[in-house]
Amino acid sequence: MNNDCPFCDPEVVNIAFAEGSGFYAVYNHAPVVTGHCLVIPFKHTTDLLDLDSREYTDFFAFAREVVVFLNGYYSTSEFDMSIQQGENAGQSVAHLHMHILPRKANDLPEGEEWFHKLNEDEFTSLDSTKFLSDEELQSISRKLRAAWQSGLDKKQ
């Protein structure tokens, strides 16, 4: 745990909709597309390669569970997964995390790539939303948590 790290902050951990094997998933506070979530280890580390073999396997197994859940919840079978490892790769928070974006046809303007937006301005999503309000983020998190806990993979 790192007191200066936003992903180690109990307030961020508390909005997790899913937890398992030492990792948690949260809805992104500035989603690039609907459903944009992050998978984050509870253990503070900045580097994927600092995970031991078991943690590495568990990280990707948990991320797969989150992808399956999000694809069902958002009614798609397509997704992007990305890890920006280091500042030159676009990592903006010094804590390992994986972006998961459920994808649909025409979810981005033609010619736009979501990963460029992460590097241009970490605080602006493609729809020009700076951040979700705390209330919006809490509401989305509650809905996702309820669906995760009930085992549902489709929106109600």
Protein backbone atom coordinates (compact mmCIF):
# COMPACT_ATOMS: atom_id res chain seq x y z
CA MET A 1 0.00 0.00 0.00
CA ASN A 2 1.20 3.48 -0.92
CA ASN A 3 -0.44 6.45 0.80
CA ASP A 4 0.22 8.69 -2.23
CA CYS A 5 -1.32 6.28 -4.72
CA PRO A 6 -4.93 6.86 -5.84
CA PHE A 7 -5.46 3.12 -6.44
CA CYS A 8 -4.40 2.37 -2.86
CA ASP A 9 -6.94 4.90 -1.55
CA PRO A 10 -9.72 3.12 0.38
CA GLU A 11 -12.30 5.39 -1.31
CA VAL A 12 -11.30 4.00 -4.71
CA VAL A 13 -11.24 0.43 -3.43
CA ASN A 14 -14.71 0.98 -1.94
CA ILE A 15 -16.23 1.68 -5.37
CA ALA A 16 -15.02 -1.67 -6.70
CA PHE A 17 -17.76 -3.73 -8.28
CA ALA A 18 -15.74 -6.95 -8.30
CA GLU A 19 -12.92 -8.50 -6.28
CA GLY A 20 -11.01 -11.73 -6.55
CA SER A 21 -7.59 -13.33 -6.08
CA GLY A 22 -5.93 -10.12 -4.88
CA PHE A 23 -7.42 -7.83 -7.53
CA TYR A 24 -10.39 -5.54 -7.92
CA ALA A 25 -12.33 -3.91 -10.76
CA VAL A 26 -13.70 -0.37 -10.86
CA TYR A 27 -15.57 1.70 -13.39
CA ASN A 28 -13.30 4.36 -14.86
CA HIS A 29 -14.03 7.87 -13.52
CA ALA A 30 -13.48 9.27 -17.05
CA PRO A 31 -14.70 6.48 -19.36
CA VAL A 32 -13.58 6.61 -22.97
CA VAL A 33 -16.51 4.39 -23.97
CA THR A 34 -19.47 3.08 -21.99
CA GLY A 35 -18.28 0.25 -19.76
CA HIS A 36 -14.62 1.36 -19.53
CA CYS A 37 -13.29 -0.31 -16.38
CA LEU A 38 -9.95 -0.94 -14.70
CA VAL A 39 -8.55 -4.12 -13.14
CA ILE A 40 -6.14 -3.25 -10.33
CA PRO A 41 -4.07 -5.31 -7.88
CA PHE A 42 -4.63 -4.60 -4.18
CA LYS A 43 -0.85 -4.95 -3.80
CA HIS A 44 0.89 -1.72 -4.72
CA THR A 45 3.13 -2.33 -7.70
CA THR A 46 3.84 -0.26 -10.77
CA ASP A 47 5.19 -3.06 -12.93
CA LEU A 48 3.43 -6.10 -14.37
CA LEU A 49 6.72 -7.98 -14.28
CA ASP A 50 6.98 -7.47 -10.51
CA LEU A 51 4.08 -9.90 -10.05
CA ASP A 52 5.21 -13.41 -9.24
CA SER A 53 4.05 -16.23 -11.52
CA ARG A 54 0.93 -16.96 -9.47
CA GLU A 55 -0.07 -13.27 -9.20
CA TYR A 56 0.52 -12.83 -12.95
CA THR A 57 -1.72 -15.78 -13.76
CA ASP A 58 -4.37 -14.63 -11.28
CA PHE A 59 -4.30 -11.08 -12.70
CA PHE A 60 -5.11 -12.25 -16.20
CA ALA A 61 -7.62 -14.86 -14.99
CA PHE A 62 -9.49 -12.18 -13.01
CA ALA A 63 -9.30 -9.77 -15.97
CA ARG A 64 -10.87 -12.49 -18.15
CA GLU A 65 -13.74 -12.87 -15.66
CA VAL A 66 -14.28 -9.10 -15.76
CA VAL A 67 -14.27 -9.07 -19.58
CA VAL A 68 -16.84 -11.88 -19.75
CA PHE A 69 -19.02 -10.06 -17.21
CA LEU A 70 -18.76 -6.66 -18.92
CA ASN A 71 -19.41 -8.11 -22.37
CA GLY A 72 -22.58 -9.75 -21.06
CA TYR A 73 -23.63 -6.67 -19.11
CA TYR A 74 -23.11 -4.33 -22.07
CA SER A 75 -24.37 -6.80 -24.69
CA THR A 76 -21.26 -7.17 -26.80
CA SER A 77 -18.62 -9.77 -27.60
CA GLU A 78 -15.89 -7.29 -28.49
CA PHE A 79 -13.41 -5.56 -26.22
CA ASP A 80 -10.02 -3.91 -25.83
CA MET A 81 -7.61 -4.74 -23.01
CA SER A 82 -4.58 -2.57 -22.40
CA ILE A 83 -1.77 -2.08 -19.92
CA GLN A 84 0.36 1.02 -20.22
CA GLN A 85 3.66 0.00 -18.62
CA GLY A 86 5.71 3.09 -17.77
CA GLU A 87 5.43 6.78 -18.49
CA ASN A 88 6.61 6.50 -22.10
CA ALA A 89 3.88 3.93 -22.73
CA GLY A 90 1.24 6.31 -21.36
CA GLN A 91 0.94 5.06 -17.77
CA SER A 92 -0.56 8.00 -15.86
CA VAL A 93 -1.00 6.37 -12.43
CA ALA A 94 2.05 4.68 -10.91
CA HIS A 95 0.12 1.55 -9.93
CA LEU A 96 -0.35 -1.40 -12.25
CA HIS A 97 -3.79 -1.43 -13.88
CA MET A 98 -5.45 -2.85 -16.97
CA HIS A 99 -8.02 -0.95 -19.01
CA ILE A 100 -10.95 -3.02 -20.24
CA LEU A 101 -13.26 -1.41 -22.79
CA PRO A 102 -16.34 -3.25 -24.05
CA ARG A 103 -16.64 -2.24 -27.71
CA LYS A 104 -19.55 -1.78 -30.10
CA ALA A 105 -19.90 -0.59 -33.66
CA ASN A 106 -19.57 3.19 -33.96
CA ASP A 107 -18.80 3.68 -30.26
CA LEU A 108 -16.01 6.08 -31.24
CA PRO A 109 -15.95 8.79 -33.89
CA GLU A 110 -14.60 7.51 -37.20
CA GLY A 111 -10.82 7.55 -37.23
CA GLU A 112 -10.50 7.92 -33.45
CA GLU A 113 -8.53 5.43 -31.40
CA TRP A 114 -9.22 5.34 -27.68
CA PHE A 115 -5.61 4.84 -26.56
CA HIS A 116 -4.60 8.17 -28.11
CA LYS A 117 -7.11 9.87 -25.83
CA LEU A 118 -5.51 8.33 -22.75
CA ASN A 119 -2.18 9.84 -23.72
CA GLU A 120 -3.50 13.23 -24.87
CA ASP A 121 -5.40 14.15 -21.74
CA GLU A 122 -6.03 11.62 -19.04
CA PHE A 123 -8.93 13.70 -17.76
CA THR A 124 -11.02 14.00 -20.92
CA SER A 125 -13.06 11.24 -22.48
CA LEU A 126 -14.15 11.26 -26.11
CA ASP A 127 -17.57 12.66 -25.26
CA SER A 128 -15.84 15.65 -23.59
CA THR A 129 -16.88 14.58 -20.10
CA LYS A 130 -14.14 15.62 -17.68
CA PHE A 131 -15.11 13.16 -14.95
CA LEU A 132 -18.20 11.33 -13.87
CA SER A 133 -19.68 12.97 -10.81
CA ASP A 134 -19.27 11.07 -7.55
CA GLU A 135 -23.00 10.30 -7.69
CA GLU A 136 -22.80 8.94 -11.26
CA LEU A 137 -19.76 6.82 -10.43
CA GLN A 138 -21.40 5.46 -7.26
CA SER A 139 -24.60 4.65 -9.15
CA ILE A 140 -22.80 2.78 -11.94
CA SER A 141 -20.66 0.96 -9.37
CA ARG A 142 -23.72 -0.14 -7.35
CA LYS A 143 -25.45 -1.50 -10.48
CA LEU A 144 -22.35 -3.36 -11.63
CA ARG A 145 -21.69 -4.73 -8.12
CA ALA A 146 -25.27 -6.01 -7.82
CA ALA A 147 -25.04 -7.70 -11.22
CA TRP A 148 -21.60 -9.17 -10.43
CA GLN A 149 -22.78 -10.50 -7.08
CA SER A 150 -25.95 -11.99 -8.51
CA GLY A 151 -24.03 -13.67 -11.30
CA LEU A 152 -25.98 -11.87 -13.98
CA ASP A 153 -24.20 -11.18 -17.22
CA LYS A 154 -26.92 -9.11 -18.88
CA LYS A 155 -28.40 -5.70 -18.18
CA GLN A 156 -31.84 -5.85 -16.60
